[in-house]
Every structure is written in structure tokens, then in C-alpha cells.
Amino acid sequence: MAETAGTPRIMSDEEAEPAHRQFGNANQARHSFEMLADIIQEEEPGFSTENPR
């Protein structure tokens, strides 16, 4: 999935630690994703978060 946005890049420990604090659990990450997906859906009506498979 990550490769659809480009080549994935491994984060350094220095990058991963603050990211983990911000999105340290699945519920926080899901909530952030849903908020961004809602904004994109409003701006791009053809956008879908559903898996195309």
C-alpha cells in the first residue's frame, strides 16, 4: 500500500520517536486518517478510501 504513494523510506530512530508519540496507537492513527480522508473527499468528490480490489 505504501508503494502506491511512491518509494517507502525507512524512518530514522530520531524521526520515529516523535511520530510514535503523535500516533502511538491505532485509534489515534485511524482518527487522523479519517479526518484527512473527509477533507479530501470534500475537495475531491471522486476520491474513495475504499480498497479498489
PDB file of N, CA and C in Angstrom:
ATOM      1  N   MET A   1       0.809  -1.183   0.000  1.00  0.00           N
ATOM      2  CA  MET A   1       0.000   0.000   0.000  1.00  0.00           C
ATOM      3  C   MET A   1       0.860   1.258   0.000  1.00  0.00           C
ATOM      4  N   ALA A   2       1.903   1.263   0.817  1.00  0.00           N
ATOM      5  CA  ALA A   2       2.748   2.457   0.894  1.00  0.00           C
ATOM      6  C   ALA A   2       3.385   2.768  -0.449  1.00  0.00           C
ATOM      7  N   GLU A   3       3.669   1.757  -1.231  1.00  0.00           N
ATOM      8  CA  GLU A   3       4.335   1.974  -2.510  1.00  0.00           C
ATOM      9  C   GLU A   3       3.448   2.687  -3.525  1.00  0.00           C
ATOM     10  N   THR A   4       2.133   2.719  -3.334  1.00  0.00           N
ATOM     11  CA  THR A   4       1.273   3.445  -4.259  1.00  0.00           C
ATOM     12  C   THR A   4       1.518   4.948  -4.185  1.00  0.00           C
ATOM     13  N   ALA A   5       2.071   5.424  -3.070  1.00  0.00           N
ATOM     14  CA  ALA A   5       2.376   6.845  -2.900  1.00  0.00           C
ATOM     15  C   ALA A   5       3.810   7.166  -3.289  1.00  0.00           C
ATOM     16  N   GLY A   6       4.572   6.156  -3.684  1.00  0.00           N
ATOM     17  CA  GLY A   6       5.977   6.361  -4.030  1.00  0.00           C
ATOM     18  C   GLY A   6       6.826   5.316  -3.330  1.00  0.00           C
ATOM     19  N   THR A   7       8.110   5.505  -3.378  1.00  0.00           N
ATOM     20  CA  THR A   7       9.018   4.559  -2.742  1.00  0.00           C
ATOM     21  C   THR A   7       9.043   4.812  -1.237  1.00  0.00           C
ATOM     22  N   PRO A   8       8.716   3.785  -0.443  1.00  0.00           N
ATOM     23  CA  PRO A   8       8.745   3.971   1.019  1.00  0.00           C
ATOM     24  C   PRO A   8      10.158   4.301   1.495  1.00  0.00           C
ATOM     25  N   ARG A   9      10.237   5.093   2.526  1.00  0.00           N
ATOM     26  CA  ARG A   9      11.519   5.476   3.117  1.00  0.00           C
ATOM     27  C   ARG A   9      11.516   5.037   4.575  1.00  0.00           C
ATOM     28  N   ILE A  10      12.552   4.348   4.982  1.00  0.00           N
ATOM     29  CA  ILE A  10      12.676   3.922   6.371  1.00  0.00           C
ATOM     30  C   ILE A  10      12.998   5.144   7.225  1.00  0.00           C
ATOM     31  N   MET A  11      12.243   5.321   8.301  1.00  0.00           N
ATOM     32  CA  MET A  11      12.475   6.447   9.204  1.00  0.00           C
ATOM     33  C   MET A  11      13.632   6.135  10.134  1.00  0.00           C
ATOM     34  N   SER A  12      14.400   7.163  10.455  1.00  0.00           N
ATOM     35  CA  SER A  12      15.460   7.006  11.448  1.00  0.00           C
ATOM     36  C   SER A  12      14.818   6.944  12.834  1.00  0.00           C
ATOM     37  N   ASP A  13      15.579   6.513  13.820  1.00  0.00           N
ATOM     38  CA  ASP A  13      15.069   6.490  15.194  1.00  0.00           C
ATOM     39  C   ASP A  13      14.664   7.888  15.646  1.00  0.00           C
ATOM     40  N   GLU A  14      15.438   8.889  15.216  1.00  0.00           N
ATOM     41  CA  GLU A  14      15.135  10.272  15.595  1.00  0.00           C
ATOM     42  C   GLU A  14      13.799  10.729  15.007  1.00  0.00           C
ATOM     43  N   GLU A  15      13.440  10.239  13.831  1.00  0.00           N
ATOM     44  CA  GLU A  15      12.159  10.579  13.208  1.00  0.00           C
ATOM     45  C   GLU A  15      11.027   9.732  13.784  1.00  0.00           C
ATOM     46  N   ALA A  16      11.326   8.473  14.070  1.00  0.00           N
ATOM     47  CA  ALA A  16      10.291   7.540  14.502  1.00  0.00           C
ATOM     48  C   ALA A  16       9.777   7.842  15.909  1.00  0.00           C
ATOM     49  N   GLU A  17      10.655   8.296  16.783  1.00  0.00           N
ATOM     50  CA  GLU A  17      10.222   8.540  18.165  1.00  0.00           C
ATOM     51  C   GLU A  17       9.133   9.605  18.273  1.00  0.00           C
ATOM     52  N   PRO A  18       9.297  10.792  17.659  1.00  0.00           N
ATOM     53  CA  PRO A  18       8.195  11.764  17.759  1.00  0.00           C
ATOM     54  C   PRO A  18       6.943  11.302  17.010  1.00  0.00           C
ATOM     55  N   ALA A  19       7.128  10.585  15.900  1.00  0.00           N
ATOM     56  CA  ALA A  19       5.955  10.078  15.170  1.00  0.00           C
ATOM     57  C   ALA A  19       5.189   9.088  16.038  1.00  0.00           C
ATOM     58  N   HIS A  20       5.909   8.261  16.747  1.00  0.00           N
ATOM     59  CA  HIS A  20       5.251   7.284  17.632  1.00  0.00           C
ATOM     60  C   HIS A  20       4.491   8.002  18.746  1.00  0.00           C
ATOM     61  N   ARG A  21       5.063   9.069  19.281  1.00  0.00           N
ATOM     62  CA  ARG A  21       4.362   9.820  20.331  1.00  0.00           C
ATOM     63  C   ARG A  21       3.077  10.438  19.787  1.00  0.00           C
ATOM     64  N   GLN A  22       3.104  10.883  18.537  1.00  0.00           N
ATOM     65  CA  GLN A  22       1.925  11.519  17.960  1.00  0.00           C
ATOM     66  C   GLN A  22       0.868  10.500  17.565  1.00  0.00           C
ATOM     67  N   PHE A  23       1.309   9.355  17.046  1.00  0.00           N
ATOM     68  CA  PHE A  23       0.383   8.348  16.541  1.00  0.00           C
ATOM     69  C   PHE A  23       0.706   7.003  17.170  1.00  0.00           C
ATOM     70  N   GLY A  24       0.892   6.997  18.475  1.00  0.00           N
ATOM     71  CA  GLY A  24       1.358   5.814  19.178  1.00  0.00           C
ATOM     72  C   GLY A  24       0.380   4.676  19.282  1.00  0.00           C
ATOM     73  N   ASN A  25      -0.868   4.914  18.950  1.00  0.00           N
ATOM     74  CA  ASN A  25      -1.779   3.777  18.968  1.00  0.00           C
ATOM     75  C   ASN A  25      -2.671   3.814  17.732  1.00  0.00           C
ATOM     76  N   ALA A  26      -3.239   2.675  17.431  1.00  0.00           N
ATOM     77  CA  ALA A  26      -4.016   2.532  16.195  1.00  0.00           C
ATOM     78  C   ALA A  26      -5.230   3.460  16.172  1.00  0.00           C
ATOM     79  N   ASN A  27      -5.846   3.707  17.305  1.00  0.00           N
ATOM     80  CA  ASN A  27      -7.028   4.573  17.333  1.00  0.00           C
ATOM     81  C   ASN A  27      -6.680   6.011  16.961  1.00  0.00           C
ATOM     82  N   GLN A  28      -5.554   6.508  17.449  1.00  0.00           N
ATOM     83  CA  GLN A  28      -5.141   7.863  17.096  1.00  0.00           C
ATOM     84  C   GLN A  28      -4.821   7.964  15.612  1.00  0.00           C
ATOM     85  N   ALA A  29      -4.113   6.981  15.086  1.00  0.00           N
ATOM     86  CA  ALA A  29      -3.766   6.993  13.672  1.00  0.00           C
ATOM     87  C   ALA A  29      -5.020   6.910  12.810  1.00  0.00           C
ATOM     88  N   ARG A  30      -5.964   6.046  13.170  1.00  0.00           N
ATOM     89  CA  ARG A  30      -7.213   5.892  12.410  1.00  0.00           C
ATOM     90  C   ARG A  30      -7.997   7.203  12.430  1.00  0.00           C
ATOM     91  N   HIS A  31      -8.077   7.827  13.580  1.00  0.00           N
ATOM     92  CA  HIS A  31      -8.819   9.087  13.697  1.00  0.00           C
ATOM     93  C   HIS A  31      -8.202  10.156  12.802  1.00  0.00           C
ATOM     94  N   SER A  32      -6.881  10.271  12.809  1.00  0.00           N
ATOM     95  CA  SER A  32      -6.207  11.257  11.959  1.00  0.00           C
ATOM     96  C   SER A  32      -6.446  10.967  10.488  1.00  0.00           C
ATOM     97  N   PHE A  33      -6.359   9.686  10.115  1.00  0.00           N
ATOM     98  CA  PHE A  33      -6.608   9.314   8.723  1.00  0.00           C
ATOM     99  C   PHE A  33      -8.026   9.669   8.317  1.00  0.00           C
ATOM    100  N   GLU A  34      -9.000   9.365   9.150  1.00  0.00           N
ATOM    101  CA  GLU A  34     -10.394   9.635   8.807  1.00  0.00           C
ATOM    102  C   GLU A  34     -10.651  11.130   8.644  1.00  0.00           C
ATOM    103  N   MET A  35     -10.032  11.943   9.489  1.00  0.00           N
ATOM    104  CA  MET A  35     -10.209  13.394   9.343  1.00  0.00           C
ATOM    105  C   MET A  35      -9.635  13.879   8.017  1.00  0.00           C
ATOM    106  N   LEU A  36      -8.438  13.418   7.670  1.00  0.00           N
ATOM    107  CA  LEU A  36      -7.839  13.824   6.403  1.00  0.00           C
ATOM    108  C   LEU A  36      -8.640  13.295   5.215  1.00  0.00           C
ATOM    109  N   ALA A  37      -9.124  12.062   5.298  1.00  0.00           N
ATOM    110  CA  ALA A  37      -9.907  11.483   4.210  1.00  0.00           C
ATOM    111  C   ALA A  37     -11.199  12.274   4.003  1.00  0.00           C
ATOM    112  N   ASP A  38     -11.816  12.728   5.079  1.00  0.00           N
ATOM    113  CA  ASP A  38     -13.035  13.533   4.962  1.00  0.00           C
ATOM    114  C   ASP A  38     -12.759  14.849   4.236  1.00  0.00           C
ATOM    115  N   ILE A  39     -11.636  15.483   4.562  1.00  0.00           N
ATOM    116  CA  ILE A  39     -11.274  16.735   3.896  1.00  0.00           C
ATOM    117  C   ILE A  39     -11.038  16.498   2.407  1.00  0.00           C
ATOM    118  N   ILE A  40     -10.299  15.443   2.092  1.00  0.00           N
ATOM    119  CA  ILE A  40     -10.026  15.136   0.684  1.00  0.00           C
ATOM    120  C   ILE A  40     -11.321  14.824  -0.053  1.00  0.00           C
ATOM    121  N   GLN A  41     -12.218  14.078   0.578  1.00  0.00           N
ATOM    122  CA  GLN A  41     -13.493  13.721  -0.057  1.00  0.00           C
ATOM    123  C   GLN A  41     -14.300  14.971  -0.382  1.00  0.00           C
ATOM    124  N   GLU A  42     -14.268  15.962   0.501  1.00  0.00           N
ATOM    125  CA  GLU A  42     -14.985  17.216   0.240  1.00  0.00           C
ATOM    126  C   GLU A  42     -14.370  17.970  -0.939  1.00  0.00           C
ATOM    127  N   GLU A  43     -13.041  17.969  -0.999  1.00  0.00           N
ATOM    128  CA  GLU A  43     -12.353  18.719  -2.045  1.00  0.00           C
ATOM    129  C   GLU A  43     -12.273  17.963  -3.362  1.00  0.00           C
ATOM    130  N   GLU A  44     -12.264  16.646  -3.307  1.00  0.00           N
ATOM    131  CA  GLU A  44     -12.140  15.788  -4.493  1.00  0.00           C
ATOM    132  C   GLU A  44     -13.253  14.742  -4.453  1.00  0.00           C
ATOM    133  N   PRO A  45     -14.451  15.060  -4.931  1.00  0.00           N
ATOM    134  CA  PRO A  45     -15.593  14.152  -4.807  1.00  0.00           C
ATOM    135  C   PRO A  45     -15.376  12.752  -5.386  1.00  0.00           C
ATOM    136  N   GLY A  46     -14.470  12.571  -6.322  1.00  0.00           N
ATOM    137  CA  GLY A  46     -14.228  11.248  -6.898  1.00  0.00           C
ATOM    138  C   GLY A  46     -13.306  10.383  -6.047  1.00  0.00           C
ATOM    139  N   PHE A  47     -12.700  10.959  -5.008  1.00  0.00           N
ATOM    140  CA  PHE A  47     -11.783  10.237  -4.153  1.00  0.00           C
ATOM    141  C   PHE A  47     -12.521   9.195  -3.335  1.00  0.00           C
ATOM    142  N   SER A  48     -11.924   8.029  -3.196  1.00  0.00           N
ATOM    143  CA  SER A  48     -12.535   6.973  -2.388  1.00  0.00           C
ATOM    144  C   SER A  48     -11.480   6.366  -1.469  1.00  0.00           C
ATOM    145  N   THR A  49     -11.830   6.154  -0.196  1.00  0.00           N
ATOM    146  CA  THR A  49     -10.927   5.491   0.744  1.00  0.00           C
ATOM    147  C   THR A  49     -11.143   3.987   0.732  1.00  0.00           C
ATOM    148  N   GLU A  50     -12.038   3.525  -0.093  1.00  0.00           N
ATOM    149  CA  GLU A  50     -12.318   2.092  -0.160  1.00  0.00           C
ATOM    150  C   GLU A  50     -11.254   1.397  -0.969  1.00  0.00           C
ATOM    151  N   ASN A  51     -10.919   0.177  -0.583  1.00  0.00           N
ATOM    152  CA  ASN A  51      -9.925  -0.622  -1.290  1.00  0.00           C
ATOM    153  C   ASN A  51     -10.470  -0.986  -2.665  1.00  0.00           C
ATOM    154  N   PRO A  52      -9.773  -0.647  -3.745  1.00  0.00           N
ATOM    155  CA  PRO A  52     -10.301  -0.899  -5.097  1.00  0.00           C
ATOM    156  C   PRO A  52     -10.299  -2.367  -5.503  1.00  0.00           C
ATOM    157  N   ARG A  53      -9.774  -3.237  -4.689  1.00  0.00           N
ATOM    158  CA  ARG A  53      -9.716  -4.661  -5.057  1.00  0.00           C
ATOM    159  C   ARG A  53     -11.038  -5.337  -4.893  1.00  0.00           C
TER     160      ARG A  53
END
